[in-house]
Amino acid sequence: MRNNFLGAFVSAVASQFRGLDSANPSAWPLLPRLFLFTAMYCLSLGLLWLYPLSEYADDLQRAVDKESTLRAEFTDKLGKAANLNLLKKQRDEVAQTVEGLEKQLPSSTEMAGLLFSISQTGRSQNLQQELFKPEAPIFKQYYAIIPVTFRANGGYHDFARFAADVANLPRIVNLSNLTITPKAEGALTLETTVRTYRYLDPVEVAAQAKPSKEGK
């Protein structure tokens, strides 16, 4: 009886695959349609497995990397936009500082007056000047350093007052390589390099930039 039931089941299944119309699969019985769907599904998976997808994976990775870069740039620009007013305020403060420093740098025509003021500062503190010799300027990109070899005789307090007066000048002036040596009869000799600065005029700035361009 079991064999009869199995035979009847096989016969019923086989009957659904007989007389199928290949031009109209939608009219097939349920089992042939399920079999056809399963076969097409497995075939599609096999084709996708064999198809070269590596180049598309590379394109996808490049797109992901580009997205990360764009996100970082967007975040950076968003932060700058949020701090725009603060950045403008800082720019104005820097411009004011630079303007104030520029006012402390004399032009070439004002250097003679500044050197005279330094010399007079020493005389006003009762220093007996032995040497006041401006040396060759040291040119930088936008300014020049004017070193002056200075030697005078006096006392400690005279030297201290001279240094304080130099520091209080409206221009940028500093003392470097300062040495004090004893002299006869209790006197002292001060020798130092007085350094002051001046800004370059447009012609001098161009002259300083020219060698740099030629070197490049």
N, C-alpha and C. Protein backbone atom coordinates (compact mmCIF):
# COMPACT_ATOMS: atom_id res chain seq x y z
N MET A 1 0.82 -1.21 0.00
CA MET A 1 0.00 0.00 0.00
C MET A 1 0.85 1.25 0.00
N ARG A 2 1.95 1.17 0.75
CA ARG A 2 2.88 2.32 0.78
C ARG A 2 3.46 2.56 -0.58
N ASN A 3 3.80 1.48 -1.29
CA ASN A 3 4.37 1.63 -2.63
C ASN A 3 3.35 2.22 -3.58
N ASN A 4 2.09 1.82 -3.38
CA ASN A 4 1.04 2.38 -4.24
C ASN A 4 0.89 3.88 -4.02
N PHE A 5 0.97 4.32 -2.74
CA PHE A 5 0.85 5.76 -2.42
C PHE A 5 2.02 6.56 -3.00
N LEU A 6 3.23 6.00 -2.86
CA LEU A 6 4.42 6.68 -3.40
C LEU A 6 4.35 6.77 -4.91
N GLY A 7 3.88 5.67 -5.54
CA GLY A 7 3.77 5.68 -6.98
C GLY A 7 2.75 6.69 -7.46
N ALA A 8 1.63 6.78 -6.72
CA ALA A 8 0.61 7.75 -7.09
C ALA A 8 1.12 9.17 -6.95
N PHE A 9 1.95 9.43 -5.91
CA PHE A 9 2.51 10.78 -5.69
C PHE A 9 3.47 11.17 -6.80
N VAL A 10 4.34 10.19 -7.16
CA VAL A 10 5.30 10.46 -8.24
C VAL A 10 4.57 10.69 -9.55
N SER A 11 3.53 9.89 -9.79
CA SER A 11 2.78 10.04 -11.02
C SER A 11 2.08 11.39 -11.08
N ALA A 12 1.56 11.85 -9.91
CA ALA A 12 0.88 13.15 -9.88
C ALA A 12 1.88 14.27 -10.14
N VAL A 13 3.08 14.17 -9.53
CA VAL A 13 4.11 15.20 -9.75
C VAL A 13 4.54 15.21 -11.20
N ALA A 14 4.76 14.02 -11.76
CA ALA A 14 5.22 13.94 -13.15
C ALA A 14 4.18 14.46 -14.11
N SER A 15 2.90 14.26 -13.77
CA SER A 15 1.84 14.73 -14.66
C SER A 15 1.84 16.24 -14.80
N GLN A 16 2.32 16.97 -13.77
CA GLN A 16 2.35 18.44 -13.84
C GLN A 16 3.43 18.94 -14.78
N PHE A 17 4.40 18.08 -15.10
CA PHE A 17 5.48 18.49 -16.00
C PHE A 17 5.22 18.06 -17.45
N ARG A 18 4.08 17.41 -17.69
CA ARG A 18 3.76 16.96 -19.05
C ARG A 18 2.96 18.05 -19.77
N GLY A 19 3.24 18.17 -21.06
CA GLY A 19 2.46 19.07 -21.91
C GLY A 19 2.58 20.53 -21.54
N LEU A 20 3.75 20.94 -21.00
CA LEU A 20 3.94 22.34 -20.62
C LEU A 20 4.10 23.21 -21.85
N ASP A 21 3.47 24.37 -21.83
CA ASP A 21 3.57 25.33 -22.92
C ASP A 21 4.73 26.27 -22.64
N SER A 22 5.84 26.09 -23.39
CA SER A 22 7.04 26.91 -23.13
C SER A 22 6.82 28.39 -23.43
N ALA A 23 5.79 28.71 -24.24
CA ALA A 23 5.52 30.11 -24.57
C ALA A 23 4.70 30.81 -23.50
N ASN A 24 4.14 30.05 -22.56
CA ASN A 24 3.28 30.67 -21.54
C ASN A 24 3.55 30.02 -20.18
N PRO A 25 4.72 30.32 -19.55
CA PRO A 25 5.04 29.70 -18.25
C PRO A 25 4.06 30.09 -17.16
N SER A 26 3.38 31.20 -17.30
CA SER A 26 2.46 31.62 -16.24
C SER A 26 1.28 30.67 -16.10
N ALA A 27 1.02 29.86 -17.16
CA ALA A 27 -0.10 28.92 -17.11
C ALA A 27 0.31 27.54 -16.60
N TRP A 28 1.58 27.40 -16.24
CA TRP A 28 2.07 26.11 -15.76
C TRP A 28 1.49 25.82 -14.39
N PRO A 29 1.45 24.54 -14.03
CA PRO A 29 1.05 24.19 -12.65
C PRO A 29 2.08 24.73 -11.64
N LEU A 30 1.73 24.63 -10.36
CA LEU A 30 2.55 25.22 -9.30
C LEU A 30 3.95 24.64 -9.24
N LEU A 31 4.09 23.33 -9.28
CA LEU A 31 5.41 22.72 -9.13
C LEU A 31 6.38 23.11 -10.26
N PRO A 32 5.98 23.07 -11.53
CA PRO A 32 6.91 23.52 -12.57
C PRO A 32 7.32 24.99 -12.42
N ARG A 33 6.36 25.81 -12.00
CA ARG A 33 6.71 27.24 -11.82
C ARG A 33 7.72 27.42 -10.68
N LEU A 34 7.51 26.68 -9.57
CA LEU A 34 8.48 26.75 -8.47
C LEU A 34 9.84 26.25 -8.90
N PHE A 35 9.84 25.15 -9.66
CA PHE A 35 11.12 24.61 -10.15
C PHE A 35 11.83 25.63 -11.05
N LEU A 36 11.07 26.25 -11.97
CA LEU A 36 11.66 27.24 -12.88
C LEU A 36 12.21 28.45 -12.11
N PHE A 37 11.45 28.92 -11.11
CA PHE A 37 11.90 30.07 -10.31
C PHE A 37 13.19 29.73 -9.56
N THR A 38 13.23 28.53 -8.96
CA THR A 38 14.43 28.12 -8.21
C THR A 38 15.64 28.00 -9.13
N ALA A 39 15.44 27.44 -10.33
CA ALA A 39 16.54 27.27 -11.28
C ALA A 39 17.08 28.64 -11.73
N MET A 40 16.16 29.57 -12.03
CA MET A 40 16.59 30.91 -12.46
C MET A 40 17.30 31.66 -11.34
N TYR A 41 16.83 31.46 -10.10
CA TYR A 41 17.47 32.11 -8.94
C TYR A 41 18.89 31.59 -8.76
N CYS A 42 19.06 30.29 -8.82
CA CYS A 42 20.40 29.71 -8.67
C CYS A 42 21.32 30.14 -9.81
N LEU A 43 20.77 30.20 -11.03
CA LEU A 43 21.57 30.63 -12.17
C LEU A 43 22.01 32.08 -12.02
N SER A 44 21.13 32.94 -11.51
CA SER A 44 21.49 34.36 -11.30
C SER A 44 22.59 34.50 -10.27
N LEU A 45 22.48 33.74 -9.19
CA LEU A 45 23.53 33.78 -8.17
C LEU A 45 24.87 33.33 -8.73
N GLY A 46 24.83 32.26 -9.57
CA GLY A 46 26.08 31.79 -10.16
C GLY A 46 26.71 32.82 -11.07
N LEU A 47 25.89 33.51 -11.88
CA LEU A 47 26.43 34.53 -12.79
C LEU A 47 27.01 35.72 -12.01
N LEU A 48 26.29 36.14 -10.96
CA LEU A 48 26.81 37.24 -10.14
C LEU A 48 28.11 36.85 -9.45
N TRP A 49 28.24 35.61 -9.06
CA TRP A 49 29.46 35.16 -8.39
C TRP A 49 30.65 35.19 -9.35
N LEU A 50 30.38 34.83 -10.60
CA LEU A 50 31.45 34.79 -11.61
C LEU A 50 31.74 36.15 -12.22
N TYR A 51 30.80 37.13 -12.10
CA TYR A 51 30.99 38.43 -12.76
C TYR A 51 32.05 39.23 -12.01
N PRO A 52 33.00 39.89 -12.73
CA PRO A 52 34.07 40.66 -12.05
C PRO A 52 33.54 41.96 -11.45
N LEU A 53 33.43 41.98 -10.14
CA LEU A 53 32.92 43.17 -9.44
C LEU A 53 34.03 43.98 -8.78
N SER A 54 35.30 43.59 -8.94
CA SER A 54 36.38 44.27 -8.24
C SER A 54 36.50 45.74 -8.63
N GLU A 55 36.34 46.04 -9.95
CA GLU A 55 36.49 47.43 -10.37
C GLU A 55 35.38 48.30 -9.79
N TYR A 56 34.19 47.73 -9.64
CA TYR A 56 33.11 48.49 -9.02
C TYR A 56 33.38 48.70 -7.52
N ALA A 57 34.02 47.71 -6.91
CA ALA A 57 34.38 47.87 -5.51
C ALA A 57 35.39 48.99 -5.34
N ASP A 58 36.36 49.10 -6.28
CA ASP A 58 37.33 50.19 -6.22
C ASP A 58 36.64 51.54 -6.38
N ASP A 59 35.70 51.62 -7.33
CA ASP A 59 34.95 52.87 -7.52
C ASP A 59 34.17 53.23 -6.26
N LEU A 60 33.60 52.24 -5.64
CA LEU A 60 32.85 52.49 -4.41
C LEU A 60 33.76 53.00 -3.31
N GLN A 61 34.97 52.42 -3.19
CA GLN A 61 35.91 52.85 -2.15
C GLN A 61 36.37 54.28 -2.40
N ARG A 62 36.61 54.61 -3.69
CA ARG A 62 37.01 55.99 -4.01
C ARG A 62 35.89 56.97 -3.67
N ALA A 63 34.66 56.57 -3.95
CA ALA A 63 33.53 57.44 -3.62
C ALA A 63 33.41 57.64 -2.10
N VAL A 64 33.64 56.55 -1.34
CA VAL A 64 33.59 56.66 0.13
C VAL A 64 34.69 57.59 0.63
N ASP A 65 35.91 57.45 0.08
CA ASP A 65 37.02 58.31 0.50
C ASP A 65 36.73 59.77 0.16
N LYS A 66 36.17 60.01 -1.02
CA LYS A 66 35.84 61.38 -1.43
C LYS A 66 34.78 61.96 -0.51
N GLU A 67 33.82 61.14 -0.13
CA GLU A 67 32.79 61.63 0.78
C GLU A 67 33.40 62.04 2.12
N SER A 68 34.36 61.24 2.63
CA SER A 68 35.02 61.59 3.90
C SER A 68 35.77 62.91 3.77
N THR A 69 36.46 63.11 2.63
CA THR A 69 37.20 64.35 2.42
C THR A 69 36.26 65.55 2.35
N LEU A 70 35.17 65.38 1.62
CA LEU A 70 34.20 66.48 1.50
C LEU A 70 33.56 66.79 2.85
N ARG A 71 33.29 65.77 3.63
CA ARG A 71 32.73 66.00 4.96
C ARG A 71 33.70 66.79 5.84
N ALA A 72 35.00 66.43 5.77
CA ALA A 72 36.01 67.15 6.56
C ALA A 72 36.12 68.60 6.11
N GLU A 73 36.12 68.84 4.79
CA GLU A 73 36.18 70.21 4.29
C GLU A 73 34.95 71.01 4.70
N PHE A 74 33.80 70.36 4.64
CA PHE A 74 32.57 71.04 5.03
C PHE A 74 32.62 71.42 6.51
N THR A 75 33.08 70.49 7.35
CA THR A 75 33.17 70.78 8.79
C THR A 75 34.13 71.93 9.05
N ASP A 76 35.29 71.93 8.35
CA ASP A 76 36.27 73.00 8.52
C ASP A 76 35.69 74.35 8.11
N LYS A 77 35.05 74.39 6.93
CA LYS A 77 34.47 75.65 6.45
C LYS A 77 33.32 76.11 7.34
N LEU A 78 32.56 75.15 7.86
CA LEU A 78 31.47 75.51 8.76
C LEU A 78 32.00 76.14 10.04
N GLY A 79 33.12 75.57 10.56
CA GLY A 79 33.73 76.16 11.75
C GLY A 79 34.26 77.56 11.49
N LYS A 80 34.89 77.76 10.32
CA LYS A 80 35.40 79.09 9.98
C LYS A 80 34.26 80.09 9.83
N ALA A 81 33.17 79.64 9.21
CA ALA A 81 32.04 80.54 9.03
C ALA A 81 31.44 80.93 10.38
N ALA A 82 31.41 79.97 11.31
CA ALA A 82 30.86 80.27 12.63
C ALA A 82 31.75 81.25 13.39
N ASN A 83 33.07 81.20 13.13
CA ASN A 83 34.02 82.08 13.83
C ASN A 83 34.43 83.28 12.98
N LEU A 84 33.64 83.59 11.95
CA LEU A 84 34.04 84.65 11.02
C LEU A 84 34.20 85.98 11.73
N ASN A 85 33.26 86.32 12.59
CA ASN A 85 33.33 87.62 13.28
C ASN A 85 34.55 87.68 14.18
N LEU A 86 34.85 86.57 14.87
CA LEU A 86 36.03 86.53 15.74
C LEU A 86 37.30 86.68 14.91
N LEU A 87 37.37 86.01 13.74
CA LEU A 87 38.54 86.11 12.88
C LEU A 87 38.72 87.53 12.35
N LYS A 88 37.62 88.20 12.00
CA LYS A 88 37.70 89.59 11.55
C LYS A 88 38.23 90.50 12.65
N LYS A 89 37.76 90.25 13.88
CA LYS A 89 38.24 91.06 15.00
C LYS A 89 39.74 90.85 15.23
N GLN A 90 40.18 89.59 15.16
CA GLN A 90 41.61 89.31 15.33
C GLN A 90 42.43 89.93 14.20
N ARG A 91 41.89 89.90 12.98
CA ARG A 91 42.59 90.53 11.85
C ARG A 91 42.75 92.01 12.08
N ASP A 92 41.70 92.67 12.57
CA ASP A 92 41.78 94.11 12.83
C ASP A 92 42.79 94.41 13.94
N GLU A 93 42.83 93.54 14.96
CA GLU A 93 43.79 93.76 16.05
C GLU A 93 45.22 93.61 15.55
N VAL A 94 45.45 92.59 14.70
CA VAL A 94 46.79 92.40 14.13
C VAL A 94 47.17 93.59 13.26
N ALA A 95 46.22 94.09 12.46
CA ALA A 95 46.50 95.24 11.60
C ALA A 95 46.88 96.46 12.43
N GLN A 96 46.18 96.66 13.56
CA GLN A 96 46.52 97.78 14.43
C GLN A 96 47.90 97.61 15.05
N THR A 97 48.23 96.37 15.43
CA THR A 97 49.56 96.12 16.01
C THR A 97 50.65 96.39 14.99
N VAL A 98 50.45 95.90 13.76
CA VAL A 98 51.44 96.13 12.70
C VAL A 98 51.58 97.62 12.41
N GLU A 99 50.45 98.31 12.39
CA GLU A 99 50.51 99.75 12.13
C GLU A 99 51.28 100.47 13.22
N GLY A 100 51.07 100.03 14.48
CA GLY A 100 51.81 100.65 15.58
C GLY A 100 53.30 100.39 15.49
N LEU A 101 53.67 99.16 15.08
CA LEU A 101 55.09 98.85 14.93
C LEU A 101 55.70 99.62 13.77
N GLU A 102 54.93 99.79 12.70
CA GLU A 102 55.46 100.55 11.56
C GLU A 102 55.74 101.99 11.94
N LYS A 103 54.94 102.54 12.83
CA LYS A 103 55.17 103.93 13.26
C LYS A 103 56.47 104.05 14.06
N GLN A 104 56.92 102.93 14.64
CA GLN A 104 58.18 102.96 15.39
C GLN A 104 59.39 102.77 14.49
N LEU A 105 59.16 102.50 13.20
CA LEU A 105 60.27 102.34 12.27
C LEU A 105 60.38 103.61 11.42
N PRO A 106 61.47 104.33 11.53
CA PRO A 106 61.62 105.55 10.72
C PRO A 106 61.93 105.21 9.27
N SER A 107 61.75 106.19 8.42
CA SER A 107 62.15 106.03 7.02
C SER A 107 63.63 106.39 6.89
N SER A 108 64.17 106.24 5.69
CA SER A 108 65.58 106.55 5.47
C SER A 108 65.87 108.02 5.71
N THR A 109 64.90 108.89 5.42
CA THR A 109 65.11 110.34 5.61
C THR A 109 65.05 110.73 7.08
N GLU A 110 64.46 109.88 7.91
CA GLU A 110 64.34 110.20 9.33
C GLU A 110 65.48 109.60 10.17
N MET A 111 66.32 108.78 9.55
CA MET A 111 67.37 108.11 10.31
C MET A 111 68.37 109.08 10.91
N ALA A 112 68.72 110.14 10.17
CA ALA A 112 69.70 111.10 10.68
C ALA A 112 69.21 111.72 11.99
N GLY A 113 67.92 112.08 12.02
CA GLY A 113 67.36 112.65 13.24
C GLY A 113 67.36 111.66 14.38
N LEU A 114 67.07 110.39 14.10
CA LEU A 114 67.07 109.39 15.16
C LEU A 114 68.47 109.18 15.72
N LEU A 115 69.47 109.07 14.85
CA LEU A 115 70.84 108.90 15.33
C LEU A 115 71.29 110.10 16.15
N PHE A 116 70.88 111.30 15.74
CA PHE A 116 71.21 112.50 16.52
C PHE A 116 70.56 112.43 17.90
N SER A 117 69.30 111.93 17.97
CA SER A 117 68.61 111.81 19.25
C SER A 117 69.34 110.84 20.18
N ILE A 118 69.83 109.73 19.61
CA ILE A 118 70.56 108.76 20.43
C ILE A 118 71.84 109.38 20.98
N SER A 119 72.54 110.10 20.11
CA SER A 119 73.77 110.76 20.55
C SER A 119 73.50 111.79 21.64
N GLN A 120 72.42 112.56 21.46
CA GLN A 120 72.08 113.57 22.46
C GLN A 120 71.65 112.94 23.77
N THR A 121 71.04 111.74 23.69
CA THR A 121 70.65 111.05 24.92
C THR A 121 71.87 110.74 25.78
N GLY A 122 72.97 110.33 25.15
CA GLY A 122 74.19 110.07 25.91
C GLY A 122 74.75 111.34 26.52
N ARG A 123 74.74 112.42 25.76
CA ARG A 123 75.28 113.68 26.28
C ARG A 123 74.42 114.23 27.42
N SER A 124 73.12 114.00 27.34
CA SER A 124 72.25 114.52 28.40
C SER A 124 72.47 113.81 29.73
N GLN A 125 73.10 112.63 29.71
CA GLN A 125 73.41 111.89 30.93
C GLN A 125 74.88 112.05 31.32
N ASN A 126 75.50 113.12 30.80
CA ASN A 126 76.89 113.48 31.16
C ASN A 126 77.89 112.40 30.75
N LEU A 127 77.58 111.65 29.70
CA LEU A 127 78.53 110.68 29.20
C LEU A 127 79.50 111.39 28.25
N GLN A 128 80.77 111.07 28.41
CA GLN A 128 81.79 111.62 27.52
C GLN A 128 82.00 110.64 26.35
N GLN A 129 81.40 110.96 25.24
CA GLN A 129 81.42 110.05 24.10
C GLN A 129 82.79 110.06 23.43
N GLU A 130 83.30 108.87 23.24
CA GLU A 130 84.56 108.71 22.50
C GLU A 130 84.31 108.27 21.06
N LEU A 131 83.19 107.52 20.86
CA LEU A 131 82.93 106.99 19.52
C LEU A 131 81.43 106.83 19.31
N PHE A 132 80.97 107.32 18.18
CA PHE A 132 79.57 107.13 17.76
C PHE A 132 79.62 106.91 16.25
N LYS A 133 79.68 105.62 15.84
CA LYS A 133 79.96 105.31 14.44
C LYS A 133 78.88 104.39 13.86
N PRO A 134 78.00 104.95 13.02
CA PRO A 134 77.03 104.10 12.32
C PRO A 134 77.74 103.16 11.35
N GLU A 135 77.36 101.88 11.41
CA GLU A 135 77.95 100.88 10.54
C GLU A 135 77.05 100.66 9.31
N ALA A 136 77.49 99.78 8.42
CA ALA A 136 76.71 99.49 7.20
C ALA A 136 75.38 98.84 7.57
N PRO A 137 74.30 99.25 6.92
CA PRO A 137 72.99 98.66 7.23
C PRO A 137 72.95 97.17 6.88
N ILE A 138 72.15 96.44 7.64
CA ILE A 138 71.90 95.03 7.38
C ILE A 138 70.48 94.92 6.83
N PHE A 139 70.36 94.59 5.55
CA PHE A 139 69.05 94.62 4.90
C PHE A 139 68.33 93.29 5.09
N LYS A 140 67.06 93.40 5.46
CA LYS A 140 66.13 92.28 5.50
C LYS A 140 65.10 92.49 4.40
N GLN A 141 64.06 91.66 4.41
CA GLN A 141 63.10 91.72 3.31
C GLN A 141 62.32 93.03 3.30
N TYR A 142 61.88 93.49 4.48
CA TYR A 142 61.06 94.69 4.53
C TYR A 142 61.64 95.78 5.43
N TYR A 143 62.77 95.53 6.05
CA TYR A 143 63.35 96.54 6.93
C TYR A 143 64.87 96.40 6.92
N ALA A 144 65.52 97.39 7.52
CA ALA A 144 66.99 97.37 7.61
C ALA A 144 67.40 97.61 9.06
N ILE A 145 68.44 96.92 9.48
CA ILE A 145 69.02 97.12 10.82
C ILE A 145 70.20 98.08 10.68
N ILE A 146 70.19 99.10 11.52
CA ILE A 146 71.28 100.09 11.50
C ILE A 146 72.09 99.93 12.79
N PRO A 147 73.25 99.25 12.75
CA PRO A 147 74.07 99.14 13.95
C PRO A 147 74.98 100.36 14.11
N VAL A 148 75.15 100.79 15.35
CA VAL A 148 76.00 101.95 15.66
C VAL A 148 76.95 101.53 16.77
N THR A 149 78.24 101.64 16.51
CA THR A 149 79.22 101.37 17.55
C THR A 149 79.32 102.59 18.46
N PHE A 150 79.07 102.37 19.75
CA PHE A 150 79.00 103.47 20.71
C PHE A 150 79.96 103.21 21.85
N ARG A 151 80.79 104.22 22.16
CA ARG A 151 81.71 104.11 23.30
C ARG A 151 81.75 105.45 24.03
N ALA A 152 81.59 105.37 25.36
CA ALA A 152 81.57 106.60 26.16
C ALA A 152 82.08 106.29 27.56
N ASN A 153 82.48 107.35 28.25
CA ASN A 153 82.98 107.24 29.62
C ASN A 153 81.96 107.84 30.57
N GLY A 154 81.87 107.26 31.77
CA GLY A 154 80.95 107.77 32.78
C GLY A 154 80.88 106.82 33.95
N GLY A 155 79.80 106.96 34.74
CA GLY A 155 79.61 106.09 35.90
C GLY A 155 78.45 105.12 35.67
N TYR A 156 78.30 104.17 36.61
CA TYR A 156 77.24 103.17 36.48
C TYR A 156 75.87 103.82 36.35
N HIS A 157 75.60 104.79 37.22
CA HIS A 157 74.28 105.44 37.20
C HIS A 157 74.06 106.19 35.89
N ASP A 158 75.12 106.78 35.36
CA ASP A 158 74.99 107.46 34.07
C ASP A 158 74.64 106.47 32.97
N PHE A 159 75.30 105.31 33.00
CA PHE A 159 75.01 104.29 32.00
C PHE A 159 73.57 103.77 32.13
N ALA A 160 73.11 103.58 33.36
CA ALA A 160 71.76 103.08 33.59
C ALA A 160 70.71 104.08 33.08
N ARG A 161 70.94 105.36 33.37
CA ARG A 161 69.99 106.37 32.89
C ARG A 161 70.01 106.47 31.36
N PHE A 162 71.19 106.31 30.78
CA PHE A 162 71.29 106.31 29.32
C PHE A 162 70.50 105.15 28.71
N ALA A 163 70.65 103.96 29.29
CA ALA A 163 69.92 102.79 28.79
C ALA A 163 68.41 102.99 28.92
N ALA A 164 67.97 103.59 30.05
CA ALA A 164 66.54 103.82 30.25
C ALA A 164 66.02 104.84 29.24
N ASP A 165 66.79 105.88 28.97
CA ASP A 165 66.36 106.89 28.00
C ASP A 165 66.27 106.30 26.59
N VAL A 166 67.22 105.45 26.25
CA VAL A 166 67.18 104.81 24.94
C VAL A 166 65.94 103.94 24.81
N ALA A 167 65.60 103.21 25.88
CA ALA A 167 64.42 102.35 25.85
C ALA A 167 63.13 103.16 25.71
N ASN A 168 63.13 104.40 26.17
CA ASN A 168 61.93 105.24 26.12
C ASN A 168 61.82 106.05 24.83
N LEU A 169 62.77 105.90 23.93
CA LEU A 169 62.67 106.62 22.66
C LEU A 169 61.44 106.14 21.88
N PRO A 170 60.82 107.02 21.09
CA PRO A 170 59.61 106.61 20.34
C PRO A 170 59.90 105.60 19.24
N ARG A 171 61.15 105.43 18.88
CA ARG A 171 61.53 104.44 17.86
C ARG A 171 62.08 103.19 18.53
N ILE A 172 62.19 102.11 17.74
CA ILE A 172 62.74 100.85 18.27
C ILE A 172 64.26 100.95 18.28
N VAL A 173 64.83 100.96 19.46
CA VAL A 173 66.28 101.03 19.63
C VAL A 173 66.65 100.08 20.77
N ASN A 174 67.68 99.27 20.57
CA ASN A 174 68.13 98.41 21.66
C ASN A 174 69.65 98.41 21.72
N LEU A 175 70.17 97.98 22.86
CA LEU A 175 71.61 97.92 23.11
C LEU A 175 72.03 96.45 23.15
N SER A 176 73.09 96.10 22.43
CA SER A 176 73.59 94.73 22.43
C SER A 176 75.11 94.74 22.57
N ASN A 177 75.67 93.59 22.92
CA ASN A 177 77.13 93.45 23.10
C ASN A 177 77.66 94.51 24.05
N LEU A 178 76.97 94.68 25.14
CA LEU A 178 77.32 95.75 26.09
C LEU A 178 78.44 95.28 27.02
N THR A 179 79.51 96.08 27.11
CA THR A 179 80.63 95.79 28.03
C THR A 179 80.99 97.07 28.77
N ILE A 180 81.34 96.91 30.03
CA ILE A 180 81.78 98.03 30.88
C ILE A 180 83.14 97.67 31.44
N THR A 181 84.12 98.53 31.22
CA THR A 181 85.48 98.28 31.70
C THR A 181 85.95 99.47 32.53
N PRO A 182 86.73 99.21 33.57
CA PRO A 182 87.23 100.32 34.41
C PRO A 182 88.27 101.15 33.67
N LYS A 183 88.33 102.42 34.02
CA LYS A 183 89.30 103.35 33.46
C LYS A 183 90.01 104.07 34.60
N ALA A 184 91.01 104.82 34.27
CA ALA A 184 91.78 105.52 35.30
C ALA A 184 90.90 106.49 36.08
N GLU A 185 91.31 106.70 37.34
CA GLU A 185 90.67 107.66 38.24
C GLU A 185 89.21 107.30 38.52
N GLY A 186 88.90 106.00 38.59
CA GLY A 186 87.57 105.55 38.98
C GLY A 186 86.52 105.65 37.90
N ALA A 187 86.87 106.13 36.73
CA ALA A 187 85.88 106.22 35.65
C ALA A 187 85.68 104.86 35.00
N LEU A 188 84.57 104.75 34.25
CA LEU A 188 84.24 103.51 33.55
C LEU A 188 84.01 103.81 32.07
N THR A 189 84.26 102.79 31.28
CA THR A 189 84.03 102.94 29.84
C THR A 189 82.94 101.96 29.41
N LEU A 190 81.93 102.51 28.78
CA LEU A 190 80.84 101.69 28.24
C LEU A 190 81.03 101.56 26.73
N GLU A 191 81.00 100.33 26.26
CA GLU A 191 81.05 100.09 24.82
C GLU A 191 79.91 99.14 24.45
N THR A 192 79.13 99.52 23.47
CA THR A 192 77.96 98.74 23.09
C THR A 192 77.64 98.97 21.62
N THR A 193 76.80 98.10 21.09
CA THR A 193 76.28 98.29 19.74
C THR A 193 74.83 98.72 19.86
N VAL A 194 74.57 99.93 19.44
CA VAL A 194 73.20 100.44 19.44
C VAL A 194 72.55 100.00 18.13
N ARG A 195 71.46 99.29 18.24
CA ARG A 195 70.77 98.81 17.04
C ARG A 195 69.43 99.53 16.91
N THR A 196 69.23 100.15 15.77
CA THR A 196 67.93 100.71 15.45
C THR A 196 67.49 100.20 14.10
N TYR A 197 66.28 100.47 13.74
CA TYR A 197 65.69 99.86 12.55
C TYR A 197 64.94 100.92 11.75
N ARG A 198 64.85 100.67 10.47
CA ARG A 198 64.03 101.52 9.60
C ARG A 198 63.37 100.64 8.54
N TYR A 199 62.22 101.09 8.06
CA TYR A 199 61.56 100.32 7.01
C TYR A 199 62.11 100.73 5.66
N LEU A 200 62.03 99.84 4.70
CA LEU A 200 62.55 100.08 3.37
C LEU A 200 61.49 100.76 2.51
N ASP A 201 61.93 101.65 1.64
CA ASP A 201 60.99 102.25 0.70
C ASP A 201 60.70 101.24 -0.42
N PRO A 202 59.68 101.47 -1.25
CA PRO A 202 59.31 100.48 -2.28
C PRO A 202 60.46 100.09 -3.20
N VAL A 203 61.34 101.04 -3.54
CA VAL A 203 62.46 100.72 -4.42
C VAL A 203 63.41 99.73 -3.73
N GLU A 204 63.65 99.95 -2.44
CA GLU A 204 64.55 99.06 -1.70
C GLU A 204 63.92 97.67 -1.51
N VAL A 205 62.60 97.64 -1.28
CA VAL A 205 61.92 96.35 -1.15
C VAL A 205 62.04 95.56 -2.44
N ALA A 206 61.85 96.24 -3.58
CA ALA A 206 61.98 95.56 -4.87
C ALA A 206 63.40 95.06 -5.09
N ALA A 207 64.37 95.86 -4.65
CA ALA A 207 65.77 95.46 -4.81
C ALA A 207 66.09 94.22 -3.96
N GLN A 208 65.48 94.12 -2.77
CA GLN A 208 65.71 92.96 -1.93
C GLN A 208 65.01 91.72 -2.48
N ALA A 209 63.86 91.90 -3.13
CA ALA A 209 63.11 90.78 -3.68
C ALA A 209 63.72 90.25 -4.96
N LYS A 210 64.43 91.10 -5.70
CA LYS A 210 64.99 90.71 -7.00
C LYS A 210 65.98 89.56 -6.90
N PRO A 211 66.97 89.59 -5.98
CA PRO A 211 67.90 88.45 -5.89
C PRO A 211 67.19 87.14 -5.56
N SER A 212 66.13 87.22 -4.72
CA SER A 212 65.39 86.01 -4.37
C SER A 212 64.72 85.41 -5.60
N LYS A 213 64.12 86.27 -6.45
CA LYS A 213 63.47 85.77 -7.66
C LYS A 213 64.49 85.19 -8.64
N GLU A 214 65.65 85.86 -8.75
CA GLU A 214 66.68 85.36 -9.65
C GLU A 214 67.21 84.01 -9.18
N GLY A 215 67.29 83.84 -7.84
CA GLY A 215 67.76 82.56 -7.31
C GLY A 215 66.79 81.44 -7.63
N LYS A 216 65.46 81.75 -7.57
CA LYS A 216 64.49 80.73 -7.92
C LYS A 216 64.56 80.38 -9.38
